[in-house]
Amino acid sequence: MKPSQEIHIYYHRPPDRTDLFIQRLIHDDPWVKITFAQGLTLARPLEIGGEVALEEGADAVWFTFPGEWHDIGRFHLADGTLTGIYANILIPCTFEPGGVWHTTDLFLDLWIPILGGRWDPDERIIPDVLDSNELEKARAAGWIPHATAQRAHAEVERLLSAARHGTWPPPSVREWTRERVLRVHDLH
């Protein structure tokens, strides 16, 4: 895939919801595929911990790691202020020809709030784990097999351990800021 290609991401949320996200491919290498969602249209602002994490007109930079059980988003406000680093725990994304991607949400999320819009990537911040109760409800309802739910929990533990050791989020998340995406791809 070449950068600037339009990507169609089919994001399944068990039991029966699939959303389509259309984003621009910004960077593509064997380790990470970076997409940009510019000027988001949202039914309502996304709040985490009582604070707006993503709002109408905001941008998000997404990092999809081939073969990994999570992706990461850099979330912003409409004015460009960074609000946090968000990770979805999911079934590894599959990539079809023509820029069509598929994945399934496993309910668990990680959140690193960024106060004041400034992130020091060298500072070790342990993410908050979100939506554990949603994963348990999905497993109990049979929407997600028990082994898949266990794999989701294992992924969270792996990422928390890496965060404690200062190796997560990975360098690409630190390096590919919204400002860099806008500058490199002339998307102002």
Protein backbone atom coordinates (compact mmCIF):
# COMPACT_ATOMS: atom_id res chain seq x y z
CA MET A 1 0.00 0.00 0.00
CA LYS A 2 1.19 3.48 -0.75
CA PRO A 3 0.86 6.39 1.69
CA SER A 4 -2.09 8.76 1.11
CA GLN A 5 -4.26 5.85 0.00
CA GLU A 6 -7.81 5.89 1.37
CA ILE A 7 -8.33 3.01 3.81
CA HIS A 8 -11.71 1.46 4.68
CA ILE A 9 -11.61 -0.08 8.14
CA TYR A 10 -14.48 -2.41 9.04
CA TYR A 11 -14.53 -2.44 12.83
CA HIS A 12 -16.77 -5.18 14.22
CA ARG A 13 -18.17 -4.77 17.73
CA PRO A 14 -19.83 -7.98 18.95
CA PRO A 15 -22.48 -9.11 18.85
CA ASP A 16 -23.78 -7.41 15.72
CA ARG A 17 -22.41 -3.92 15.07
CA THR A 18 -19.87 -3.14 12.36
CA ASP A 19 -18.72 0.43 11.80
CA LEU A 20 -16.85 1.67 8.74
CA PHE A 21 -14.04 4.17 9.30
CA ILE A 22 -12.49 5.83 6.28
CA GLN A 23 -9.01 7.19 6.92
CA ARG A 24 -5.96 8.27 4.95
CA LEU A 25 -2.90 6.01 5.03
CA ILE A 26 0.01 8.19 6.14
CA HIS A 27 2.82 5.68 6.66
CA ASP A 28 3.17 1.99 5.87
CA ASP A 29 6.00 -0.32 6.84
CA PRO A 30 6.17 -3.94 8.06
CA TRP A 31 5.80 -2.89 11.73
CA VAL A 32 3.16 -0.17 11.68
CA LYS A 33 0.52 1.27 9.42
CA ILE A 34 -0.40 4.84 10.36
CA THR A 35 -3.72 6.34 9.32
CA PHE A 36 -5.19 9.79 9.85
CA ALA A 37 -8.80 10.57 10.65
CA GLN A 38 -9.24 14.28 9.98
CA GLY A 39 -12.20 16.41 11.06
CA LEU A 40 -14.14 13.58 12.71
CA THR A 41 -17.92 13.50 12.64
CA LEU A 42 -19.20 12.23 15.98
CA ALA A 43 -22.74 11.81 17.31
CA ARG A 44 -21.46 13.11 20.65
CA PRO A 45 -18.07 13.81 22.21
CA LEU A 46 -16.15 10.81 23.53
CA GLU A 47 -15.57 11.31 27.24
CA ILE A 48 -13.14 9.31 29.34
CA GLY A 49 -13.02 9.85 33.09
CA GLY A 50 -15.37 12.82 32.79
CA GLU A 51 -13.11 14.67 30.31
CA VAL A 52 -13.62 15.10 26.57
CA ALA A 53 -11.08 12.89 24.79
CA LEU A 54 -12.35 13.32 21.21
CA GLU A 55 -14.92 15.72 19.80
CA GLU A 56 -16.65 16.81 16.62
CA GLY A 57 -14.14 18.21 14.12
CA ALA A 58 -11.14 16.67 15.93
CA ASP A 59 -8.35 14.63 14.40
CA ALA A 60 -6.93 11.25 15.41
CA VAL A 61 -3.72 9.59 14.33
CA TRP A 62 -4.09 5.78 14.36
CA PHE A 63 -1.34 3.18 14.60
CA THR A 64 -2.17 -0.36 13.47
CA PHE A 65 0.48 -2.99 14.14
CA PRO A 66 0.25 -6.05 11.84
CA GLY A 67 -0.26 -9.22 13.88
CA GLU A 68 -0.75 -7.34 17.17
CA TRP A 69 -3.79 -7.55 19.44
CA HIS A 70 -4.14 -3.78 19.81
CA ASP A 71 -4.04 -0.53 17.94
CA ILE A 72 -3.28 2.95 19.28
CA GLY A 73 -4.82 6.36 18.65
CA ARG A 74 -3.52 9.83 19.43
CA PHE A 75 -6.72 11.73 20.31
CA HIS A 76 -7.21 15.49 19.98
CA LEU A 77 -9.74 18.23 20.48
CA ALA A 78 -11.02 20.19 17.49
CA ASP A 79 -8.40 22.90 18.18
CA GLY A 80 -5.62 20.30 17.86
CA THR A 81 -4.90 19.89 21.59
CA LEU A 82 -3.67 16.37 22.35
CA THR A 83 -5.97 14.77 24.95
CA GLY A 84 -4.45 11.32 25.28
CA ILE A 85 -3.17 8.04 23.94
CA TYR A 86 -5.89 5.41 23.49
CA ALA A 87 -5.42 1.72 22.74
CA ASN A 88 -8.12 -0.69 21.61
CA ILE A 89 -7.60 -4.34 22.41
CA LEU A 90 -8.74 -6.20 19.31
CA ILE A 91 -8.29 -9.22 17.11
CA PRO A 92 -5.32 -8.53 14.81
CA CYS A 93 -6.35 -6.57 11.75
CA THR A 94 -6.54 -8.30 8.39
CA PHE A 95 -5.53 -6.35 5.31
CA GLU A 96 -7.25 -6.96 1.99
CA PRO A 97 -6.19 -5.58 -1.40
CA GLY A 98 -7.49 -2.13 -2.23
CA GLY A 99 -7.13 -0.73 1.27
CA VAL A 100 -9.86 -2.74 3.00
CA TRP A 101 -9.10 -3.72 6.61
CA HIS A 102 -11.10 -5.81 9.10
CA THR A 103 -10.84 -6.20 12.86
CA THR A 104 -12.98 -7.13 15.87
CA ASP A 105 -13.11 -5.09 19.06
CA LEU A 106 -12.46 -7.02 22.28
CA PHE A 107 -13.95 -4.28 24.49
CA LEU A 108 -10.89 -3.60 26.67
CA ASP A 109 -9.11 -0.29 26.17
CA LEU A 110 -6.11 1.50 27.64
CA TRP A 111 -5.99 5.27 28.18
CA ILE A 112 -3.13 7.64 28.93
CA PRO A 113 -4.61 11.08 29.59
CA ILE A 114 -2.45 14.02 28.53
CA LEU A 115 -3.02 17.01 30.75
CA GLY A 116 -2.62 20.40 29.11
CA GLY A 117 -2.00 18.90 25.67
CA ARG A 118 1.72 18.34 26.30
CA TRP A 119 3.12 14.82 26.37
CA ASP A 120 6.61 14.00 27.54
CA PRO A 121 7.11 10.58 25.90
CA ASP A 122 10.01 9.87 28.25
CA GLU A 123 7.71 10.11 31.25
CA ARG A 124 6.40 6.70 32.31
CA ILE A 125 2.66 6.88 32.67
CA ILE A 126 0.81 3.68 33.46
CA PRO A 127 -2.38 3.57 31.38
CA ASP A 128 -5.84 3.23 32.86
CA VAL A 129 -7.66 0.02 31.89
CA LEU A 130 -11.16 0.72 30.59
CA ASP A 131 -14.25 -1.43 30.01
CA SER A 132 -13.27 -4.67 31.80
CA ASN A 133 -16.94 -5.11 32.69
CA GLU A 134 -17.93 -4.89 29.02
CA LEU A 135 -15.54 -7.71 28.09
CA GLU A 136 -16.90 -9.90 30.88
CA LYS A 137 -20.49 -9.26 29.75
CA ALA A 138 -19.55 -10.13 26.15
CA ARG A 139 -17.83 -13.34 27.26
CA ALA A 140 -20.77 -14.33 29.50
CA ALA A 141 -23.22 -13.68 26.65
CA GLY A 142 -21.17 -15.88 24.30
CA TRP A 143 -20.26 -13.03 21.96
CA ILE A 144 -16.57 -13.70 22.52
CA PRO A 145 -15.11 -17.15 23.23
CA HIS A 146 -13.50 -17.64 26.64
CA ALA A 147 -10.06 -18.19 25.08
CA THR A 148 -10.33 -14.90 23.15
CA ALA A 149 -11.31 -13.04 26.33
CA GLN A 150 -8.27 -14.54 28.07
CA ARG A 151 -6.09 -13.40 25.15
CA ALA A 152 -7.50 -9.87 25.50
CA HIS A 153 -6.62 -9.82 29.21
CA ALA A 154 -3.13 -11.16 28.44
CA GLU A 155 -2.62 -8.34 25.92
CA VAL A 156 -3.56 -5.73 28.51
CA GLU A 157 -1.09 -7.24 31.00
CA ARG A 158 1.64 -7.31 28.35
CA LEU A 159 1.08 -3.64 27.46
CA LEU A 160 0.93 -2.56 31.13
CA SER A 161 4.21 -4.35 31.78
CA ALA A 162 5.80 -2.67 28.77
CA ALA A 163 4.51 0.74 29.98
CA ARG A 164 6.07 0.12 33.41
CA HIS A 165 9.38 -0.61 31.65
CA GLY A 166 9.13 2.47 29.45
CA THR A 167 8.79 0.57 26.16
CA TRP A 168 5.12 1.28 25.45
CA PRO A 169 3.72 3.15 23.61
CA PRO A 170 6.28 2.43 20.89
CA PRO A 171 8.46 5.13 19.29
CA SER A 172 6.20 5.55 16.24
CA VAL A 173 3.42 6.86 18.53
CA ARG A 174 5.82 9.40 19.98
CA GLU A 175 7.22 10.42 16.59
CA TRP A 176 4.09 10.67 14.42
CA THR A 177 2.28 13.60 15.97
CA ARG A 178 -0.75 15.28 14.45
CA GLU A 179 1.48 18.22 13.56
CA ARG A 180 3.95 15.98 11.75
CA VAL A 181 1.17 14.31 9.78
CA LEU A 182 -0.27 17.68 8.75
CA ARG A 183 3.16 19.05 7.79
CA VAL A 184 4.51 16.00 5.93
CA HIS A 185 1.32 15.40 4.00
CA ASP A 186 0.31 19.06 3.55
CA LEU A 187 -3.14 18.46 5.05
CA HIS A 188 -3.75 21.88 6.65
